[in-house]
N, C-alpha and C. Protein backbone atom coordinates (compact mmCIF):
# COMPACT_ATOMS: atom_id res chain seq x y z
N MET A 1 167.39 271.32 128.86
CA MET A 1 167.99 272.76 128.90
C MET A 1 167.52 273.43 127.75
N ASP A 2 167.53 274.13 128.02
CA ASP A 2 166.86 275.60 127.12
C ASP A 2 167.83 276.05 125.69
N SER A 3 167.45 275.88 124.45
CA SER A 3 167.83 276.45 123.30
C SER A 3 168.22 278.05 123.14
N THR A 4 168.89 278.35 122.43
CA THR A 4 169.53 279.58 122.22
C THR A 4 169.56 279.76 120.93
N THR A 5 169.29 280.95 120.26
CA THR A 5 169.25 281.36 119.31
C THR A 5 169.18 282.84 118.92
N PRO A 6 170.38 283.03 117.87
CA PRO A 6 170.61 284.53 118.25
C PRO A 6 169.55 285.79 118.38
N ASP A 7 168.28 285.48 118.11
CA ASP A 7 166.76 286.09 117.98
C ASP A 7 166.37 286.12 119.18
N ARG A 8 166.80 285.00 119.72
CA ARG A 8 165.97 284.65 121.27
C ARG A 8 166.58 284.38 121.87
N PRO A 9 167.10 284.65 122.77
CA PRO A 9 168.35 284.34 124.00
C PRO A 9 167.41 282.97 124.70
N MET A 10 167.81 282.28 125.87
CA MET A 10 167.55 281.44 126.70
C MET A 10 166.35 282.21 127.70
N ARG A 11 164.80 281.53 127.84
CA ARG A 11 163.71 282.23 128.33
C ARG A 11 163.52 281.23 129.23
N ARG A 12 162.38 281.99 130.31
CA ARG A 12 161.89 281.15 131.29
C ARG A 12 160.73 280.15 130.72
N PRO A 13 159.81 279.39 130.82
CA PRO A 13 158.44 278.35 130.62
C PRO A 13 157.43 279.34 129.93
N LEU A 14 157.25 280.44 131.05
CA LEU A 14 155.92 281.36 130.46
C LEU A 14 156.60 282.21 129.47
N LEU A 15 157.78 282.69 129.42
CA LEU A 15 158.35 283.41 128.46
C LEU A 15 158.40 283.00 127.09
N ARG A 16 158.89 281.45 127.20
CA ARG A 16 158.53 280.30 125.73
C ARG A 16 157.45 280.17 125.68
N VAL A 17 156.12 280.14 125.93
CA VAL A 17 154.74 280.39 125.81
C VAL A 17 154.38 281.16 124.87
N LEU A 18 154.96 282.49 125.99
CA LEU A 18 153.96 283.50 125.18
C LEU A 18 155.32 284.04 124.19
N CYS A 19 156.24 284.08 124.22
CA CYS A 19 157.34 284.33 123.02
C CYS A 19 157.72 283.34 122.77
N PRO A 20 157.48 282.41 121.49
CA PRO A 20 157.63 280.94 120.97
C PRO A 20 159.22 281.60 120.06
N GLU A 21 159.87 280.56 119.76
CA GLU A 21 160.96 280.82 119.26
C GLU A 21 160.48 281.65 118.32
N SER A 22 160.09 280.62 116.75
CA SER A 22 159.36 281.56 115.75
C SER A 22 157.70 281.69 115.48
N PRO A 23 156.98 282.75 115.44
CA PRO A 23 155.62 282.72 115.60
C PRO A 23 154.75 281.86 115.16
N ARG A 24 154.29 281.21 116.20
CA ARG A 24 152.80 280.06 115.35
C ARG A 24 152.09 280.35 114.11
N HIS A 25 151.66 279.60 113.78
CA HIS A 25 150.80 279.20 112.75
C HIS A 25 149.62 279.04 112.74
N PHE A 26 148.53 279.62 112.54
CA PHE A 26 147.17 279.35 112.57
C PHE A 26 147.17 279.16 110.60
N PRO A 27 145.96 278.49 110.34
CA PRO A 27 145.41 278.19 109.16
C PRO A 27 144.74 279.42 108.92
N TRP A 28 144.13 279.74 109.79
CA TRP A 28 142.96 280.20 109.76
C TRP A 28 142.71 281.58 109.85
N ALA A 29 144.26 281.61 110.29
CA ALA A 29 144.39 283.36 111.27
C ALA A 29 144.00 284.58 109.79
N ARG A 30 144.48 284.70 108.66
CA ARG A 30 144.58 285.03 108.08
C ARG A 30 143.51 285.62 107.24
N PRO A 31 142.64 284.84 106.91
CA PRO A 31 141.04 285.34 106.90
C PRO A 31 140.09 285.18 107.25
N ALA A 32 140.42 285.02 109.30
CA ALA A 32 139.68 286.20 110.13
C ALA A 32 139.89 287.14 109.87
N GLN A 33 141.47 287.41 109.99
CA GLN A 33 141.85 288.87 110.28
C GLN A 33 141.12 289.92 109.20
N LEU A 34 141.31 289.49 107.69
CA LEU A 34 140.64 289.55 107.00
C LEU A 34 138.91 290.21 107.04
N VAL A 35 138.28 289.11 107.58
CA VAL A 35 136.88 290.23 107.81
C VAL A 35 137.06 290.13 109.23
N LEU A 36 137.53 290.48 110.41
CA LEU A 36 137.67 291.66 111.35
C LEU A 36 138.13 292.74 111.09
N ARG A 37 139.39 292.75 110.12
CA ARG A 37 139.97 294.20 109.75
C ARG A 37 138.76 294.58 109.12
N SER A 38 137.89 294.24 108.72
CA SER A 38 136.44 295.08 107.16
C SER A 38 135.70 295.62 108.22
N LEU A 39 134.89 294.48 109.44
CA LEU A 39 133.94 294.67 110.15
C LEU A 39 134.93 295.80 111.01
N HIS A 40 135.96 295.88 111.45
CA HIS A 40 136.78 296.74 112.35
C HIS A 40 136.14 297.87 112.05
N ILE A 41 136.80 298.38 110.72
CA ILE A 41 136.95 299.78 110.38
C ILE A 41 135.73 300.03 109.57
N ALA A 42 134.72 299.43 109.38
CA ALA A 42 133.22 299.62 109.40
C ALA A 42 132.75 300.47 110.34
N ALA A 43 132.88 299.74 111.50
CA ALA A 43 132.37 300.14 112.32
C ALA A 43 132.96 301.38 112.95
N MET A 44 134.22 301.30 112.95
CA MET A 44 134.62 302.68 113.22
C MET A 44 134.39 303.74 112.90
N ALA A 45 134.73 303.55 111.08
CA ALA A 45 134.03 304.61 110.67
C ALA A 45 132.65 305.11 110.82
N LEU A 46 132.21 304.24 111.01
CA LEU A 46 130.99 304.51 111.72
C LEU A 46 130.68 305.64 113.51
N VAL A 47 131.13 305.34 114.11
CA VAL A 47 131.36 305.86 114.93
C VAL A 47 132.22 307.10 114.87
N LEU A 48 133.37 307.24 114.52
CA LEU A 48 134.01 308.32 114.04
C LEU A 48 133.14 309.44 113.13
N GLY A 49 132.59 308.59 112.41
CA GLY A 49 131.45 309.94 111.33
C GLY A 49 130.68 310.77 112.28
N ALA A 50 130.29 309.34 113.20
CA ALA A 50 128.61 309.90 113.93
C ALA A 50 129.43 311.17 114.77
N ILE A 51 130.47 310.90 115.55
CA ILE A 51 130.78 312.07 116.26
C ILE A 51 130.80 313.46 116.05
N PRO A 52 131.20 313.93 115.23
CA PRO A 52 130.54 315.58 114.95
C PRO A 52 129.67 315.41 114.79
N PHE A 53 128.56 314.73 114.74
CA PHE A 53 126.65 315.39 114.73
C PHE A 53 126.64 315.12 116.04
N GLY A 54 127.56 314.73 116.81
CA GLY A 54 126.63 314.82 118.52
C GLY A 54 126.08 313.62 118.59
N ALA A 55 126.32 312.81 118.34
CA ALA A 55 125.66 310.92 118.45
C ALA A 55 126.13 310.77 120.13
N ASP A 56 125.39 310.14 120.28
CA ASP A 56 125.71 309.69 121.82
C ASP A 56 126.17 308.20 122.14
N PHE A 57 126.82 307.89 123.27
CA PHE A 57 126.63 306.01 123.55
C PHE A 57 125.21 305.32 123.57
N HIS A 58 124.28 305.70 123.82
CA HIS A 58 123.51 304.86 123.04
C HIS A 58 123.61 304.70 121.37
N THR A 59 123.00 305.89 121.21
CA THR A 59 122.99 305.76 119.23
C THR A 59 124.07 304.70 118.63
N LEU A 60 125.31 305.16 119.28
CA LEU A 60 126.21 304.36 118.77
C LEU A 60 126.59 302.86 119.35
N ARG A 61 125.74 302.61 120.12
CA ARG A 61 126.13 301.15 120.94
C ARG A 61 126.68 300.02 120.02
N ALA A 62 125.66 299.99 119.17
CA ALA A 62 126.06 298.34 118.49
C ALA A 62 127.50 299.07 117.45
N PRO A 63 127.72 299.81 116.91
CA PRO A 63 129.37 299.88 116.07
C PRO A 63 130.38 300.58 117.67
N ILE A 64 129.63 301.06 118.02
CA ILE A 64 130.75 301.02 119.87
C ILE A 64 131.88 299.51 119.65
N LEU A 65 130.58 298.52 120.08
CA LEU A 65 130.88 297.61 120.56
C LEU A 65 130.94 296.00 119.64
N LEU A 66 130.75 296.79 118.88
CA LEU A 66 131.48 295.82 117.08
C LEU A 66 132.99 296.52 116.87
N THR A 67 133.09 297.13 117.20
CA THR A 67 134.44 298.23 117.09
C THR A 67 135.28 297.39 118.25
N VAL A 68 135.15 297.78 119.40
CA VAL A 68 135.60 297.36 120.43
C VAL A 68 135.97 295.45 120.26
N GLY A 69 135.18 295.05 119.80
CA GLY A 69 135.23 293.44 119.71
C GLY A 69 135.48 292.75 118.69
N SER A 70 135.89 293.81 117.22
CA SER A 70 136.57 292.69 116.21
C SER A 70 137.75 293.64 116.90
N GLY A 71 138.21 294.94 117.21
CA GLY A 71 139.52 295.01 117.39
C GLY A 71 140.36 294.67 118.93
N VAL A 72 139.55 293.57 119.72
CA VAL A 72 140.33 292.61 120.84
C VAL A 72 140.15 291.11 119.96
N LEU A 73 139.75 290.78 119.14
CA LEU A 73 139.78 289.61 118.61
C LEU A 73 141.20 289.70 117.49
N LEU A 74 141.49 290.67 116.98
CA LEU A 74 142.45 290.81 116.02
C LEU A 74 143.70 290.97 116.79
N PHE A 75 143.90 292.30 117.69
CA PHE A 75 144.84 291.73 118.71
C PHE A 75 145.48 290.71 119.15
N ALA A 76 143.85 289.70 119.79
CA ALA A 76 144.54 288.58 120.84
C ALA A 76 144.89 287.44 119.27
N ILE A 77 144.42 287.83 118.11
CA ILE A 77 145.47 286.44 116.99
C ILE A 77 147.03 286.95 117.29
N ASP A 78 147.17 288.48 116.92
CA ASP A 78 148.45 288.37 116.68
C ASP A 78 149.35 288.17 117.96
N LEU A 79 148.33 288.55 119.51
CA LEU A 79 149.48 288.26 120.64
C LEU A 79 149.07 286.72 120.47
N ALA A 80 148.41 285.50 119.89
CA ALA A 80 148.98 284.11 120.09
C ALA A 80 149.79 283.76 119.17
N ARG A 81 149.77 284.17 118.50
CA ARG A 81 151.05 283.99 117.20
C ARG A 81 151.98 284.33 117.97
N ASP A 82 152.62 285.41 118.68
CA ASP A 82 153.98 285.64 119.64
C ASP A 82 153.73 286.93 120.16
N ALA A 83 153.26 286.91 121.58
CA ALA A 83 153.31 288.20 122.47
C ALA A 83 154.42 288.96 122.23
N ALA A 84 155.24 288.74 121.47
CA ALA A 84 156.86 289.96 121.28
C ALA A 84 156.58 290.92 120.31
N ILE A 85 155.10 290.54 120.25
CA ILE A 85 154.23 291.69 119.20
C ILE A 85 154.53 293.20 119.58
N LEU A 86 154.58 293.12 121.20
CA LEU A 86 154.58 294.22 121.85
C LEU A 86 155.27 295.04 121.94
N THR A 87 156.56 294.51 121.57
CA THR A 87 158.17 295.19 121.63
C THR A 87 157.79 295.53 120.30
N GLN A 88 157.51 295.10 119.41
CA GLN A 88 158.05 295.33 117.98
C GLN A 88 157.11 296.89 117.51
N GLY A 89 157.43 297.57 116.48
CA GLY A 89 157.01 298.36 115.48
C GLY A 89 155.27 298.17 115.34
N SER A 90 154.85 297.08 115.19
CA SER A 90 153.42 296.72 114.70
C SER A 90 152.60 297.12 116.51
N GLY A 91 153.01 296.15 117.60
CA GLY A 91 152.76 295.91 118.52
C GLY A 91 152.87 297.53 119.47
N VAL A 92 153.75 298.19 119.07
CA VAL A 92 154.01 299.72 119.73
C VAL A 92 153.15 300.46 118.89
N ALA A 93 152.48 300.76 118.05
CA ALA A 93 151.26 301.30 117.48
C ALA A 93 150.09 301.11 117.91
N VAL A 94 149.95 299.74 118.23
CA VAL A 94 148.17 299.30 118.80
C VAL A 94 148.08 299.90 119.79
N LEU A 95 149.68 299.55 120.59
CA LEU A 95 149.86 300.21 122.24
C LEU A 95 149.03 301.55 122.24
N LEU A 96 149.91 302.26 120.81
CA LEU A 96 150.01 304.02 121.41
C LEU A 96 148.45 304.37 120.56
N LYS A 97 147.62 302.76 119.73
CA LYS A 97 146.73 303.40 119.38
C LYS A 97 145.40 303.48 120.31
N LEU A 98 145.88 302.64 121.70
CA LEU A 98 144.43 301.90 122.42
C LEU A 98 144.80 303.69 123.01
N ALA A 99 145.97 304.32 123.48
CA ALA A 99 146.25 305.12 125.09
C ALA A 99 145.88 306.03 124.09
N LEU A 100 145.98 306.68 123.00
CA LEU A 100 145.00 307.75 122.37
C LEU A 100 143.59 307.45 122.36
N LEU A 101 142.83 306.16 122.37
CA LEU A 101 141.31 305.78 122.21
C LEU A 101 140.63 305.75 123.74
N GLY A 102 142.26 305.88 124.49
CA GLY A 102 141.64 305.72 125.90
C GLY A 102 141.54 307.69 126.54
N LEU A 103 142.33 308.32 126.01
CA LEU A 103 142.02 309.86 125.83
C LEU A 103 141.19 310.07 126.53
N GLY A 104 140.47 309.32 124.64
CA GLY A 104 139.02 309.85 124.14
C GLY A 104 138.14 309.31 124.49
N ALA A 105 138.40 308.47 125.71
CA ALA A 105 137.06 308.01 126.37
C ALA A 105 137.52 308.88 127.44
N VAL A 106 137.79 309.57 128.53
CA VAL A 106 138.04 310.22 129.52
C VAL A 106 138.42 311.40 129.40
N GLN A 107 137.92 311.87 128.05
CA GLN A 107 138.27 313.34 127.96
C GLN A 107 137.17 313.11 127.02
N PRO A 108 135.66 313.58 127.07
CA PRO A 108 134.57 313.02 125.84
C PRO A 108 134.59 314.43 125.30
N ALA A 109 134.98 315.26 126.22
CA ALA A 109 134.07 316.85 125.17
C ALA A 109 135.65 317.01 124.01
N SER A 110 136.70 315.87 124.44
CA SER A 110 137.93 316.54 123.08
C SER A 110 138.19 314.92 122.12
N ARG A 111 137.53 314.31 122.10
CA ARG A 111 137.36 312.71 122.07
C ARG A 111 137.07 312.85 120.24
N LEU A 112 136.93 313.48 119.57
CA LEU A 112 137.17 313.71 118.29
C LEU A 112 138.44 314.10 117.65
N PRO A 113 139.39 314.72 118.48
CA PRO A 113 140.96 314.68 118.12
C PRO A 113 141.11 313.48 118.16
N TRP A 114 141.29 313.29 118.85
CA TRP A 114 142.31 311.60 120.37
C TRP A 114 141.81 310.55 119.59
N TYR A 115 140.87 310.43 118.75
CA TYR A 115 140.64 309.45 117.92
C TYR A 115 140.83 309.33 116.64
N LEU A 116 140.56 310.82 116.04
CA LEU A 116 141.11 310.84 114.80
C LEU A 116 142.77 310.51 115.21
N ALA A 117 143.40 310.85 116.08
CA ALA A 117 144.72 310.66 116.04
C ALA A 117 145.27 308.67 116.14
N ALA A 118 144.13 308.21 117.35
CA ALA A 118 144.42 307.11 116.98
C ALA A 118 143.91 305.97 115.60
N THR A 119 143.37 306.62 114.78
CA THR A 119 143.18 306.64 113.30
C THR A 119 144.31 306.35 112.10
N LEU A 120 144.84 307.47 112.26
CA LEU A 120 146.45 308.00 112.24
C LEU A 120 147.26 306.95 112.02
N VAL A 121 147.53 306.96 113.86
CA VAL A 121 148.27 305.76 114.26
C VAL A 121 148.12 304.21 113.57
N ALA A 122 146.49 303.72 113.75
CA ALA A 122 146.12 302.50 113.16
C ALA A 122 146.88 302.52 111.83
N SER A 123 146.13 303.41 110.95
CA SER A 123 146.89 303.57 109.73
C SER A 123 148.42 303.29 109.00
N VAL A 124 149.14 303.99 110.13
CA VAL A 124 150.50 304.15 109.66
C VAL A 124 150.70 302.72 110.43
N GLY A 125 150.17 302.04 110.88
CA GLY A 125 150.56 300.53 111.61
C GLY A 125 149.89 299.87 110.91
N SER A 126 148.97 300.23 110.21
CA SER A 126 148.90 298.71 109.23
C SER A 126 149.39 298.95 107.60
N HIS A 127 150.20 300.00 107.96
CA HIS A 127 150.96 300.22 106.87
C HIS A 127 152.21 300.61 106.36
N MET A 128 153.12 300.54 107.64
CA MET A 128 154.32 300.80 107.98
C MET A 128 154.79 299.20 107.10
N PRO A 129 156.06 299.91 106.28
CA PRO A 129 157.14 298.74 105.90
C PRO A 129 157.74 297.51 106.67
N GLY A 130 157.78 296.97 106.08
CA GLY A 130 158.16 295.64 107.38
C GLY A 130 159.15 295.41 108.30
N ALA A 131 160.21 296.79 107.92
CA ALA A 131 161.43 296.97 108.29
C ALA A 131 160.56 297.40 109.84
N TRP A 132 159.85 298.32 109.16
CA TRP A 132 159.42 298.89 110.89
C TRP A 132 158.06 298.13 111.23
N ARG A 133 157.69 297.72 111.00
CA ARG A 133 156.77 296.79 111.55
C ARG A 133 157.71 296.00 112.22
N HIS A 134 158.54 295.16 111.83
CA HIS A 134 159.08 294.26 112.47
C HIS A 134 160.09 294.44 113.64
N PHE A 135 160.03 295.64 113.64
CA PHE A 135 161.32 296.40 114.31
C PHE A 135 161.54 295.97 115.72
N SER A 136 162.67 295.69 116.73
CA SER A 136 162.17 295.19 117.53
C SER A 136 162.94 296.06 118.75
N PHE A 137 162.16 296.86 119.96
CA PHE A 137 162.47 298.17 120.17
C PHE A 137 163.14 297.30 121.36
N LEU A 138 163.16 295.60 122.42
CA LEU A 138 164.19 295.52 122.68
C LEU A 138 165.49 295.09 122.64
N GLN A 139 165.45 294.90 121.40
CA GLN A 139 166.96 294.19 120.30
C GLN A 139 167.49 295.24 119.33
N TRP A 140 166.61 296.03 119.34
CA TRP A 140 166.82 297.62 118.66
C TRP A 140 167.32 297.54 117.32
N ARG A 141 166.98 296.19 116.66
CA ARG A 141 166.85 295.34 115.28
C ARG A 141 166.03 294.94 114.62
N VAL A 142 165.61 294.93 113.29
CA VAL A 142 164.65 294.05 112.80
C VAL A 142 164.79 292.51 113.06
N ILE A 143 164.02 291.81 113.48
CA ILE A 143 163.83 290.17 113.46
C ILE A 143 162.82 289.59 112.70
N LYS A 144 163.34 289.38 112.07
CA LYS A 144 162.70 287.71 110.95
C LYS A 144 161.14 287.57 111.09
N HIS A 145 160.78 287.73 110.47
CA HIS A 145 158.80 287.21 111.03
C HIS A 145 158.60 286.90 109.64
N PRO A 146 158.03 285.52 109.07
CA PRO A 146 157.19 285.13 107.91
C PRO A 146 155.89 285.35 108.39
N ASP A 147 154.93 286.64 107.42
CA ASP A 147 154.11 287.38 107.37
C ASP A 147 152.90 285.95 106.81
């Protein structure tokens, strides 16, 4: 029989795996995120800084791959802890950032403004107060979340 809590009602088995009652704790996650986020910011800065000077994909291949790889790993760690993040402020910020990056990819002539907008969204998403970060758009309230 399923247990219920005020934060999370009864869930199907797959949802219980993806969205546990409380986020999973991985002791290695914090140091890994520190290293990955540092690499992500440095690589992204190289890409963003080179675009106004006409750098093409071949010139920026290594920093692009490092940016994408570190970003995927950062997002994977967050999703492994609790996929419900996708419905909260921090996850919505990541999804918005990905949408803006996608617009830059499909509109290469306008990619700089799209990538700058994605950078601004990422900065706000990374530094927003906990009440915004853990606000659930599904439950329309702040979810308790041990950071």
